[in-house]
C-alpha atoms as a PDB file:
ATOM      1  CA  MET A   1      14.430  16.570  -5.312  1.00  0.00           C
ATOM      2  CA  LYS A   2      15.304  12.958  -6.062  1.00  0.00           C
ATOM      3  CA  PHE A   3      14.556   9.624  -4.330  1.00  0.00           C
ATOM      4  CA  GLN A   4      17.671   7.519  -3.899  1.00  0.00           C
ATOM      5  CA  GLY A   5      16.345   4.806  -1.626  1.00  0.00           C
ATOM      6  CA  SER A   6      16.388   4.590   2.129  1.00  0.00           C
ATOM      7  CA  GLN A   7      17.910   2.486   4.928  1.00  0.00           C
ATOM      8  CA  ASN A   8      14.574   0.827   5.706  1.00  0.00           C
ATOM      9  CA  TYR A   9      13.376   0.088   2.145  1.00  0.00           C
ATOM     10  CA  VAL A  10      15.197  -1.839  -0.533  1.00  0.00           C
ATOM     11  CA  ALA A  11      14.254  -0.053  -3.734  1.00  0.00           C
ATOM     12  CA  THR A  12      15.333  -1.494  -7.071  1.00  0.00           C
ATOM     13  CA  GLN A  13      16.863   0.835  -9.667  1.00  0.00           C
ATOM     14  CA  ASP A  14      13.806   0.783 -11.856  1.00  0.00           C
ATOM     15  CA  LEU A  15      11.554   1.639  -8.877  1.00  0.00           C
ATOM     16  CA  MET A  16      13.688   4.642  -7.924  1.00  0.00           C
ATOM     17  CA  LEU A  17      13.574   5.760 -11.610  1.00  0.00           C
ATOM     18  CA  ALA A  18       9.789   5.517 -11.547  1.00  0.00           C
ATOM     19  CA  VAL A  19       9.475   7.642  -8.381  1.00  0.00           C
ATOM     20  CA  ASN A  20      11.751  10.309  -9.860  1.00  0.00           C
ATOM     21  CA  ALA A  21       9.972  10.206 -13.219  1.00  0.00           C
ATOM     22  CA  ALA A  22       6.685  10.897 -11.487  1.00  0.00           C
ATOM     23  CA  ILE A  23       8.339  13.837  -9.571  1.00  0.00           C
ATOM     24  CA  THR A  24       9.724  15.252 -12.850  1.00  0.00           C
ATOM     25  CA  LEU A  25       6.416  14.876 -14.778  1.00  0.00           C
ATOM     26  CA  LYS A  26       4.372  16.093 -11.827  1.00  0.00           C
ATOM     27  CA  ARG A  27       2.008  13.169 -12.227  1.00  0.00           C
ATOM     28  CA  PRO A  28       0.717  10.661  -9.694  1.00  0.00           C
ATOM     29  CA  LEU A  29       2.741   7.475  -9.408  1.00  0.00           C
ATOM     30  CA  LEU A  30       0.422   4.497  -9.871  1.00  0.00           C
ATOM     31  CA  VAL A  31       2.035   1.445  -8.195  1.00  0.00           C
ATOM     32  CA  LYS A  32       0.685  -2.081  -8.748  1.00  0.00           C
ATOM     33  CA  GLY A  33       1.946  -5.407  -7.489  1.00  0.00           C
ATOM     34  CA  GLU A  34       0.967  -8.414  -5.366  1.00  0.00           C
ATOM     35  CA  PRO A  35      -0.335  -7.639  -1.854  1.00  0.00           C
ATOM     36  CA  GLY A  36       2.606  -7.478   0.564  1.00  0.00           C
ATOM     37  CA  THR A  37       5.243  -6.262  -1.895  1.00  0.00           C
ATOM     38  CA  GLY A  38       5.748  -2.906  -0.177  1.00  0.00           C
ATOM     39  CA  LYS A  39       3.478  -0.552  -2.197  1.00  0.00           C
ATOM     40  CA  THR A  40       2.174   1.341   0.805  1.00  0.00           C
ATOM     41  CA  MET A  41       5.545   1.329   2.492  1.00  0.00           C
ATOM     42  CA  LEU A  42       7.062   2.896  -0.619  1.00  0.00           C
ATOM     43  CA  ALA A  43       5.027   6.093  -0.119  1.00  0.00           C
ATOM     44  CA  GLU A  44       6.051   6.234   3.557  1.00  0.00           C
ATOM     45  CA  GLU A  45       9.769   5.770   2.871  1.00  0.00           C
ATOM     46  CA  VAL A  46       9.861   8.258  -0.067  1.00  0.00           C
ATOM     47  CA  ALA A  47       8.121  10.908   2.082  1.00  0.00           C
ATOM     48  CA  GLN A  48      10.539  10.332   4.912  1.00  0.00           C
ATOM     49  CA  ALA A  49      13.572  10.363   2.559  1.00  0.00           C
ATOM     50  CA  LEU A  50      12.462  13.627   0.887  1.00  0.00           C
ATOM     51  CA  ASP A  51      11.496  15.074   4.315  1.00  0.00           C
ATOM     52  CA  MET A  52       7.888  15.586   3.292  1.00  0.00           C
ATOM     53  CA  PRO A  53       4.718  15.137   5.478  1.00  0.00           C
ATOM     54  CA  LEU A  54       2.676  12.237   4.398  1.00  0.00           C
ATOM     55  CA  LEU A  55      -1.151  12.222   4.194  1.00  0.00           C
ATOM     56  CA  GLN A  56      -2.805   8.885   3.797  1.00  0.00           C
ATOM     57  CA  TRP A  57      -6.194   7.992   2.308  1.00  0.00           C
ATOM     58  CA  HIS A  58      -7.032   4.335   2.684  1.00  0.00           C
ATOM     59  CA  ILE A  59      -9.806   3.418   0.283  1.00  0.00           C
ATOM     60  CA  LYS A  60     -12.728   1.070   1.170  1.00  0.00           C
ATOM     61  CA  SER A  61     -15.453  -0.365  -0.964  1.00  0.00           C
ATOM     62  CA  THR A  62     -17.840   2.370   0.353  1.00  0.00           C
ATOM     63  CA  THR A  63     -15.425   5.311  -0.187  1.00  0.00           C
ATOM     64  CA  LYS A  64     -16.569   8.094  -2.477  1.00  0.00           C
ATOM     65  CA  ALA A  65     -14.275  10.571  -4.219  1.00  0.00           C
ATOM     66  CA  GLN A  66     -16.137  13.500  -2.649  1.00  0.00           C
ATOM     67  CA  GLN A  67     -14.875  12.376   0.779  1.00  0.00           C
ATOM     68  CA  GLY A  68     -11.328  13.140  -0.335  1.00  0.00           C
ATOM     69  CA  LEU A  69     -12.323  16.718  -1.096  1.00  0.00           C
ATOM     70  CA  TYR A  70     -14.773  17.598   1.670  1.00  0.00           C
ATOM     71  CA  GLU A  71     -18.033  16.550   3.274  1.00  0.00           C
ATOM     72  CA  TYR A  72     -20.908  18.837   4.278  1.00  0.00           C
ATOM     73  CA  ASP A  73     -22.258  17.810   7.674  1.00  0.00           C
ATOM     74  CA  ALA A  74     -25.924  18.676   7.137  1.00  0.00           C
ATOM     75  CA  VAL A  75     -27.046  16.538  10.142  1.00  0.00           C
ATOM     76  CA  SER A  76     -24.937  18.568  12.655  1.00  0.00           C
ATOM     77  CA  ARG A  77     -26.189  21.809  11.146  1.00  0.00           C
ATOM     78  CA  LEU A  78     -29.802  20.712  11.510  1.00  0.00           C
ATOM     79  CA  ARG A  79     -29.212  19.695  15.087  1.00  0.00           C
ATOM     80  CA  ASP A  80     -27.505  22.987  15.935  1.00  0.00           C
ATOM     81  CA  SER A  81     -30.310  24.937  14.271  1.00  0.00           C
ATOM     82  CA  GLN A  82     -32.744  23.362  16.771  1.00  0.00           C
ATOM     83  CA  LEU A  83     -30.497  24.708  19.624  1.00  0.00           C
ATOM     84  CA  SER A  84     -29.793  28.017  17.949  1.00  0.00           C
ATOM     85  CA  ASP A  85     -31.262  30.013  20.883  1.00  0.00           C
ATOM     86  CA  VAL A  86     -28.039  29.253  22.830  1.00  0.00           C
ATOM     87  CA  ASP A  87     -25.800  31.559  20.760  1.00  0.00           C
ATOM     88  CA  GLY A  88     -28.366  33.366  18.645  1.00  0.00           C
ATOM     89  CA  GLY A  89     -27.766  31.084  15.716  1.00  0.00           C
ATOM     90  CA  ALA A  90     -24.295  32.471  14.900  1.00  0.00           C
ATOM     91  CA  ARG A  91     -22.731  29.040  14.457  1.00  0.00           C
ATOM     92  CA  VAL A  92     -25.553  27.809  12.233  1.00  0.00           C
ATOM     93  CA  LYS A  93     -25.291  30.836   9.934  1.00  0.00           C
ATOM     94  CA  ASN A  94     -21.570  30.189   9.226  1.00  0.00           C
ATOM     95  CA  ILE A  95     -21.661  27.172   6.882  1.00  0.00           C
ATOM     96  CA  HIS A  96     -17.875  26.753   7.178  1.00  0.00           C
ATOM     97  CA  ASN A  97     -18.453  25.243  10.558  1.00  0.00           C
ATOM     98  CA  TYR A  98     -19.999  22.229   8.863  1.00  0.00           C
ATOM     99  CA  ILE A  99     -17.502  21.601   6.123  1.00  0.00           C
ATOM    100  CA  VAL A 100     -15.214  18.678   6.973  1.00  0.00           C
ATOM    101  CA  LYS A 101     -12.021  18.939   4.951  1.00  0.00           C
ATOM    102  CA  GLY A 102     -10.807  15.723   3.232  1.00  0.00           C
ATOM    103  CA  VAL A 103      -7.203  14.658   2.612  1.00  0.00           C
ATOM    104  CA  LEU A 104      -7.059  16.257  -0.859  1.00  0.00           C
ATOM    105  CA  TRP A 105      -8.135  19.648   0.616  1.00  0.00           C
ATOM    106  CA  GLN A 106      -5.539  19.224   3.369  1.00  0.00           C
ATOM    107  CA  ALA A 107      -2.828  18.391   0.812  1.00  0.00           C
ATOM    108  CA  PHE A 108      -3.778  21.302  -1.520  1.00  0.00           C
ATOM    109  CA  THR A 109      -3.774  23.887   1.267  1.00  0.00           C
ATOM    110  CA  ALA A 110      -0.663  22.715   3.133  1.00  0.00           C
ATOM    111  CA  GLU A 111       1.981  25.367   3.678  1.00  0.00           C
ATOM    112  CA  GLU A 112       4.712  23.046   2.403  1.00  0.00           C
ATOM    113  CA  PRO A 113       4.692  20.324  -0.280  1.00  0.00           C
ATOM    114  CA  VAL A 114       3.325  17.003   1.057  1.00  0.00           C
ATOM    115  CA  ALA A 115       3.175  13.456  -0.135  1.00  0.00           C
ATOM    116  CA  LEU A 116      -0.306  11.990  -0.534  1.00  0.00           C
ATOM    117  CA  LEU A 117      -1.027   8.263  -0.534  1.00  0.00           C
ATOM    118  CA  ILE A 118      -4.310   7.024  -2.103  1.00  0.00           C
ATOM    119  CA  ASP A 119      -4.112   3.403  -1.012  1.00  0.00           C
ATOM    120  CA  GLU A 120      -5.838   0.479  -2.785  1.00  0.00           C
ATOM    121  CA  ILE A 121      -7.805   2.631  -5.189  1.00  0.00           C
ATOM    122  CA  ASP A 122      -9.176  -0.510  -6.876  1.00  0.00           C
ATOM    123  CA  LYS A 123     -11.324  -1.331  -3.834  1.00  0.00           C
ATOM    124  CA  ALA A 124     -13.686   1.552  -4.557  1.00  0.00           C
ATOM    125  CA  ASP A 125     -16.498   1.796  -7.127  1.00  0.00           C
ATOM    126  CA  ILE A 126     -15.356   1.865 -10.788  1.00  0.00           C
ATOM    127  CA  GLU A 127     -16.398   5.539 -11.041  1.00  0.00           C
ATOM    128  CA  PHE A 128     -14.135   6.582  -8.161  1.00  0.00           C
ATOM    129  CA  PRO A 129     -10.988   7.222 -10.272  1.00  0.00           C
ATOM    130  CA  ASN A 130     -12.967   9.167 -12.896  1.00  0.00           C
ATOM    131  CA  ASP A 131     -14.437  11.338 -10.171  1.00  0.00           C
ATOM    132  CA  LEU A 132     -10.952  12.436  -9.174  1.00  0.00           C
ATOM    133  CA  LEU A 133      -9.632  13.129 -12.709  1.00  0.00           C
ATOM    134  CA  ARG A 134     -10.248  16.856 -12.755  1.00  0.00           C
ATOM    135  CA  GLU A 135      -9.047  17.548  -9.241  1.00  0.00           C
ATOM    136  CA  ILE A 136      -5.773  15.560  -9.589  1.00  0.00           C
ATOM    137  CA  ASP A 137      -5.192  16.973 -13.025  1.00  0.00           C
ATOM    138  CA  ARG A 138      -5.937  20.648 -12.367  1.00  0.00           C
ATOM    139  CA  MET A 139      -5.038  20.678  -8.635  1.00  0.00           C
ATOM    140  CA  GLU A 140      -8.253  22.580  -7.776  1.00  0.00           C
ATOM    141  CA  PHE A 141     -11.867  21.964  -6.828  1.00  0.00           C
ATOM    142  CA  TYR A 142     -14.986  24.010  -6.143  1.00  0.00           C
ATOM    143  CA  VAL A 143     -16.885  23.996  -2.855  1.00  0.00           C
ATOM    144  CA  TYR A 144     -20.490  24.675  -3.805  1.00  0.00           C
ATOM    145  CA  GLU A 145     -21.781  25.182  -0.216  1.00  0.00           C
ATOM    146  CA  THR A 146     -19.298  28.047   0.470  1.00  0.00           C
ATOM    147  CA  ARG A 147     -18.850  29.142  -3.166  1.00  0.00           C
ATOM    148  CA  GLU A 148     -15.073  29.032  -3.000  1.00  0.00           C
ATOM    149  CA  LEU A 149     -12.450  27.581  -5.282  1.00  0.00           C
ATOM    150  CA  VAL A 150      -9.738  25.620  -3.461  1.00  0.00           C
ATOM    151  CA  LYS A 151      -6.440  25.674  -5.389  1.00  0.00           C
ATOM    152  CA  ALA A 152      -3.285  23.798  -4.458  1.00  0.00           C
ATOM    153  CA  LYS A 153      -0.557  25.961  -2.973  1.00  0.00           C
ATOM    154  CA  HIS A 154       1.921  23.245  -3.863  1.00  0.00           C
ATOM    155  CA  ARG A 155       1.396  20.175  -6.061  1.00  0.00           C
ATOM    156  CA  PRO A 156       1.547  17.170  -3.739  1.00  0.00           C
ATOM    157  CA  LEU A 157       3.596  14.092  -4.603  1.00  0.00           C
ATOM    158  CA  VAL A 158       0.765  11.610  -5.190  1.00  0.00           C
ATOM    159  CA  PHE A 159       1.144   7.798  -4.750  1.00  0.00           C
ATOM    160  CA  ILE A 160      -1.733   5.588  -5.846  1.00  0.00           C
ATOM    161  CA  THR A 161      -1.612   1.851  -5.114  1.00  0.00           C
ATOM    162  CA  SER A 162      -3.679  -0.938  -6.613  1.00  0.00           C
ATOM    163  CA  ASN A 163      -3.852  -4.668  -6.107  1.00  0.00           C
ATOM    164  CA  ASN A 164      -5.477  -5.141  -9.550  1.00  0.00           C
ATOM    165  CA  GLU A 165      -8.866  -6.160  -8.169  1.00  0.00           C
ATOM    166  CA  LYS A 166     -10.487  -3.886 -10.769  1.00  0.00           C
ATOM    167  CA  GLU A 167      -9.355  -2.389 -14.081  1.00  0.00           C
ATOM    168  CA  LEU A 168      -8.808   1.332 -13.880  1.00  0.00           C
ATOM    169  CA  PRO A 169     -10.246   3.695 -16.532  1.00  0.00           C
ATOM    170  CA  ASP A 170      -7.996   4.607 -19.438  1.00  0.00           C
ATOM    171  CA  ALA A 171      -8.530   8.354 -18.855  1.00  0.00           C
ATOM    172  CA  PHE A 172      -7.274   7.959 -15.340  1.00  0.00           C
ATOM    173  CA  LEU A 173      -4.284   5.872 -16.367  1.00  0.00           C
ATOM    174  CA  ARG A 174      -3.201   8.481 -18.945  1.00  0.00           C
ATOM    175  CA  ARG A 175      -2.703  10.884 -16.101  1.00  0.00           C
ATOM    176  CA  CYS A 176      -0.412   8.617 -14.099  1.00  0.00           C
ATOM    177  CA  PHE A 177       3.138   7.321 -14.311  1.00  0.00           C
ATOM    178  CA  PHE A 178       2.867   3.563 -13.863  1.00  0.00           C
ATOM    179  CA  HIS A 179       5.187   1.104 -12.153  1.00  0.00           C
ATOM    180  CA  TYR A 180       4.636  -2.626 -11.377  1.00  0.00           C
ATOM    181  CA  ILE A 181       6.579  -3.913  -8.376  1.00  0.00           C
ATOM    182  CA  ARG A 182       7.672  -7.376  -9.439  1.00  0.00           C
ATOM    183  CA  PHE A 183       8.054 -10.004  -6.754  1.00  0.00           C
ATOM    184  CA  PRO A 184      11.633  -9.884  -5.486  1.00  0.00           C
ATOM    185  CA  ASP A 185      14.146 -12.426  -6.758  1.00  0.00           C
ATOM    186  CA  ALA A 186      16.257 -14.393  -4.200  1.00  0.00           C
ATOM    187  CA  GLU A 187      19.101 -11.778  -4.094  1.00  0.00           C
ATOM    188  CA  THR A 188      16.737  -8.819  -3.671  1.00  0.00           C
ATOM    189  CA  MET A 189      14.836 -10.771  -1.014  1.00  0.00           C
ATOM    190  CA  LYS A 190      18.089 -11.394   0.919  1.00  0.00           C
ATOM    191  CA  ALA A 191      18.755  -7.643   0.896  1.00  0.00           C
ATOM    192  CA  ILE A 192      15.177  -6.992   2.163  1.00  0.00           C
ATOM    193  CA  VAL A 193      15.516  -9.553   4.943  1.00  0.00           C
ATOM    194  CA  ASP A 194      18.882  -8.126   5.907  1.00  0.00           C
ATOM    195  CA  VAL A 195      17.237  -4.725   6.590  1.00  0.00           C
ATOM    196  CA  HIS A 196      14.823  -6.383   9.028  1.00  0.00           C
ATOM    197  CA  PHE A 197      17.044  -9.161  10.438  1.00  0.00           C
ATOM    198  CA  PRO A 198      20.685  -7.930  10.076  1.00  0.00           C
ATOM    199  CA  ASN A 199      22.035 -10.561  12.451  1.00  0.00           C
ATOM    200  CA  LEU A 200      20.351 -13.600  10.910  1.00  0.00           C
ATOM    201  CA  LYS A 201      22.809 -16.410  10.150  1.00  0.00           C
ATOM    202  CA  LYS A 202      23.473 -16.982   6.431  1.00  0.00           C
ATOM    203  CA  GLU A 203      22.783 -20.747   6.731  1.00  0.00           C
ATOM    204  CA  LEU A 204      19.455 -20.173   8.396  1.00  0.00           C
ATOM    205  CA  LEU A 205      18.470 -17.514   5.889  1.00  0.00           C
ATOM    206  CA  GLY A 206      19.403 -19.700   2.970  1.00  0.00           C
ATOM    207  CA  ALA A 207      17.411 -22.655   4.240  1.00  0.00           C
ATOM    208  CA  ALA A 208      14.420 -20.439   5.096  1.00  0.00           C
ATOM    209  CA  LEU A 209      14.417 -18.809   1.638  1.00  0.00           C
ATOM    210  CA  LYS A 210      14.519 -22.235  -0.007  1.00  0.00           C
ATOM    211  CA  ASN A 211      11.542 -23.332   2.029  1.00  0.00           C
ATOM    212  CA  PHE A 212       9.726 -20.044   1.227  1.00  0.00           C
ATOM    213  CA  TYR A 213      10.259 -20.315  -2.522  1.00  0.00           C
ATOM    214  CA  ASP A 214       9.378 -24.010  -2.474  1.00  0.00           C
ATOM    215  CA  VAL A 215       6.023 -23.024  -0.993  1.00  0.00           C
ATOM    216  CA  ARG A 216       5.518 -19.984  -3.179  1.00  0.00           C
ATOM    217  CA  ASN A 217       6.344 -21.805  -6.444  1.00  0.00           C
ATOM    218  CA  LEU A 218       3.881 -24.618  -5.846  1.00  0.00           C
ATOM    219  CA  PRO A 219       1.531 -24.754  -8.865  1.00  0.00           C
ATOM    220  CA  GLY A 220      -2.175 -24.216  -8.055  1.00  0.00           C
ATOM    221  CA  LEU A 221      -1.792 -22.070  -4.879  1.00  0.00           C
ATOM    222  CA  LYS A 222      -4.809 -19.916  -4.252  1.00  0.00           C
ATOM    223  CA  LYS A 223      -2.722 -17.290  -2.405  1.00  0.00           C
ATOM    224  CA  LYS A 224       1.066 -17.140  -2.784  1.00  0.00           C
ATOM    225  CA  PRO A 225       2.902 -16.011   0.330  1.00  0.00           C
ATOM    226  CA  SER A 226       4.164 -12.415   0.109  1.00  0.00           C
ATOM    227  CA  THR A 227       7.262 -10.617   1.299  1.00  0.00           C
ATOM    228  CA  SER A 228       5.530  -9.391   4.437  1.00  0.00           C
ATOM    229  CA  GLU A 229       4.483 -12.964   5.269  1.00  0.00           C
ATOM    230  CA  LEU A 230       8.091 -14.142   4.846  1.00  0.00           C
ATOM    231  CA  LEU A 231       9.225 -11.488   7.319  1.00  0.00           C
ATOM    232  CA  ASP A 232       6.511 -12.642   9.804  1.00  0.00           C
ATOM    233  CA  TRP A 233       7.634 -16.206   9.388  1.00  0.00           C
ATOM    234  CA  LEU A 234      11.318 -15.371   9.962  1.00  0.00           C
ATOM    235  CA  LYS A 235      10.329 -13.461  13.044  1.00  0.00           C
ATOM    236  CA  LEU A 236       8.622 -16.526  14.398  1.00  0.00           C
ATOM    237  CA  LEU A 237      11.584 -18.769  13.510  1.00  0.00           C
ATOM    238  CA  VAL A 238      13.884 -16.545  15.449  1.00  0.00           C
ATOM    239  CA  ALA A 239      11.437 -16.177  18.412  1.00  0.00           C
ATOM    240  CA  GLU A 240      10.900 -19.899  18.657  1.00  0.00           C
ATOM    241  CA  ASP A 241      14.634 -20.560  18.144  1.00  0.00           C
ATOM    242  CA  ILE A 242      13.896 -23.155  15.332  1.00  0.00           C
ATOM    243  CA  PRO A 243      17.105 -25.050  14.642  1.00  0.00           C
ATOM    244  CA  LEU A 244      18.616 -25.065  11.140  1.00  0.00           C
ATOM    245  CA  GLU A 245      18.224 -28.867  10.773  1.00  0.00           C
ATOM    246  CA  VAL A 246      14.404 -28.567  10.920  1.00  0.00           C
ATOM    247  CA  LEU A 247      14.480 -26.317   7.806  1.00  0.00           C
ATOM    248  CA  GLN A 248      16.737 -28.668   5.910  1.00  0.00           C
ATOM    249  CA  SER A 249      15.746 -31.845   4.055  1.00  0.00           C
ATOM    250  CA  ARG A 250      18.351 -34.525   3.583  1.00  0.00           C
ATOM    251  CA  ASP A 251      17.476 -35.322  -0.028  1.00  0.00           C
ATOM    252  CA  ASP A 252      16.720 -31.716  -1.067  1.00  0.00           C
ATOM    253  CA  LYS A 253      12.996 -32.574  -1.408  1.00  0.00           C
ATOM    254  CA  VAL A 254      10.200 -30.192  -0.557  1.00  0.00           C
ATOM    255  CA  SER A 255       9.065 -30.532   3.058  1.00  0.00           C
ATOM    256  CA  VAL A 256       6.433 -28.941   5.225  1.00  0.00           C
ATOM    257  CA  PRO A 257       8.224 -26.076   7.037  1.00  0.00           C
ATOM    258  CA  PRO A 258       7.588 -25.321  10.719  1.00  0.00           C
ATOM    259  CA  LEU A 259       4.952 -22.646  11.449  1.00  0.00           C
ATOM    260  CA  VAL A 260       3.743 -22.911   7.871  1.00  0.00           C
ATOM    261  CA  GLY A 261       0.541 -21.053   8.956  1.00  0.00           C
ATOM    262  CA  ALA A 262       2.531 -17.827   8.667  1.00  0.00           C
ATOM    263  CA  LEU A 263       2.938 -18.496   4.891  1.00  0.00           C
ATOM    264  CA  LEU A 264      -0.153 -20.323   3.831  1.00  0.00           C
ATOM    265  CA  LYS A 265      -3.499 -18.679   4.721  1.00  0.00           C
ATOM    266  CA  ASN A 266      -6.190 -21.032   3.644  1.00  0.00           C
ATOM    267  CA  GLU A 267      -6.943 -24.758   4.071  1.00  0.00           C
ATOM    268  CA  GLN A 268      -6.894 -25.541   0.306  1.00  0.00           C
ATOM    269  CA  ASP A 269      -3.292 -24.293  -0.081  1.00  0.00           C
ATOM    270  CA  VAL A 270      -2.168 -26.213   3.090  1.00  0.00           C
ATOM    271  CA  SER A 271      -3.794 -29.400   1.766  1.00  0.00           C
ATOM    272  CA  LEU A 272      -2.252 -28.933  -1.637  1.00  0.00           C
ATOM    273  CA  PHE A 273       1.210 -28.509  -0.108  1.00  0.00           C
ATOM    274  CA  GLU A 274       0.854 -31.508   2.214  1.00  0.00           C
ATOM    275  CA  LYS A 275      -0.266 -33.589  -0.694  1.00  0.00           C
ATOM    276  CA  LEU A 276       2.825 -32.713  -2.683  1.00  0.00           C
ATOM    277  CA  VAL A 277       5.073 -33.684   0.237  1.00  0.00           C
ATOM    278  CA  PHE A 278       3.165 -36.919   0.709  1.00  0.00           C
ATOM    279  CA  MET A 279       3.538 -37.850  -2.956  1.00  0.00           C
ATOM    280  CA  GLN A 280       7.238 -37.072  -2.933  1.00  0.00           C
ATOM    281  CA  LYS A 281       7.774 -39.352   0.114  1.00  0.00           C
ATOM    282  CA  HIS A 282       5.971 -42.272  -1.545  1.00  0.00           C
ATOM    283  CA  ASN A 283       7.666 -41.847  -4.938  1.00  0.00           C
ATOM    284  CA  ARG A 284      11.180 -42.403  -3.559  1.00  0.00           C
END
């Protein structure tokens, strides 16, 4: 079982090697990189390419590790106990009726190997990764309410993404294979764009990419535009039928591109970019 890329995802050679290394080592693949570089999409495309079902667990600041295993719905059991005369209390007596299985339980007990995405793990509390160490390492966990041990039938292919908002514990990192998705260079970006806009004219693409990298490389930006924002911007350029001349500057200077709101997402960055353009115009 090896990942060799897909039609919908431009995977660099080192990224494919990382995926296959994680498969060989039977360890989670920890993927870091700027937001919008395709970390989440990687899991989706690998699962599709390897013909594996994909389970997704999108982490929030309030997410607890226990929720990935199971949750005991004590409130529902209490409510049902007050209505137990209806069925003689049979439902209340069976505690399994109040166990809500989490994504890890579902992945462990699936009849066929699955891919599991734990998305943006750095959003959760710092103890979150540590709380999953044993389960991910041993592929089993204990359900205290029902006194049963849940063991994985098949080891899932685990993808873990992080935007580097928090440092992850060393003990957790030791159990992962790590890969950092670097921001695509111009040639890789052309290949990515070609997947989404196969009929885009080369001249328009060249001018658009120059504008994009001019914006992205501006020193002092609070938030650099990502690959996904470039694709949104190109979609707008095509939809609005923006002519090539609008994207080109006569003297090769940086200019404010049309629909720049697709690339810059806060007023400080827009002001910074407009200031640069203004200074260039008055320094001719």
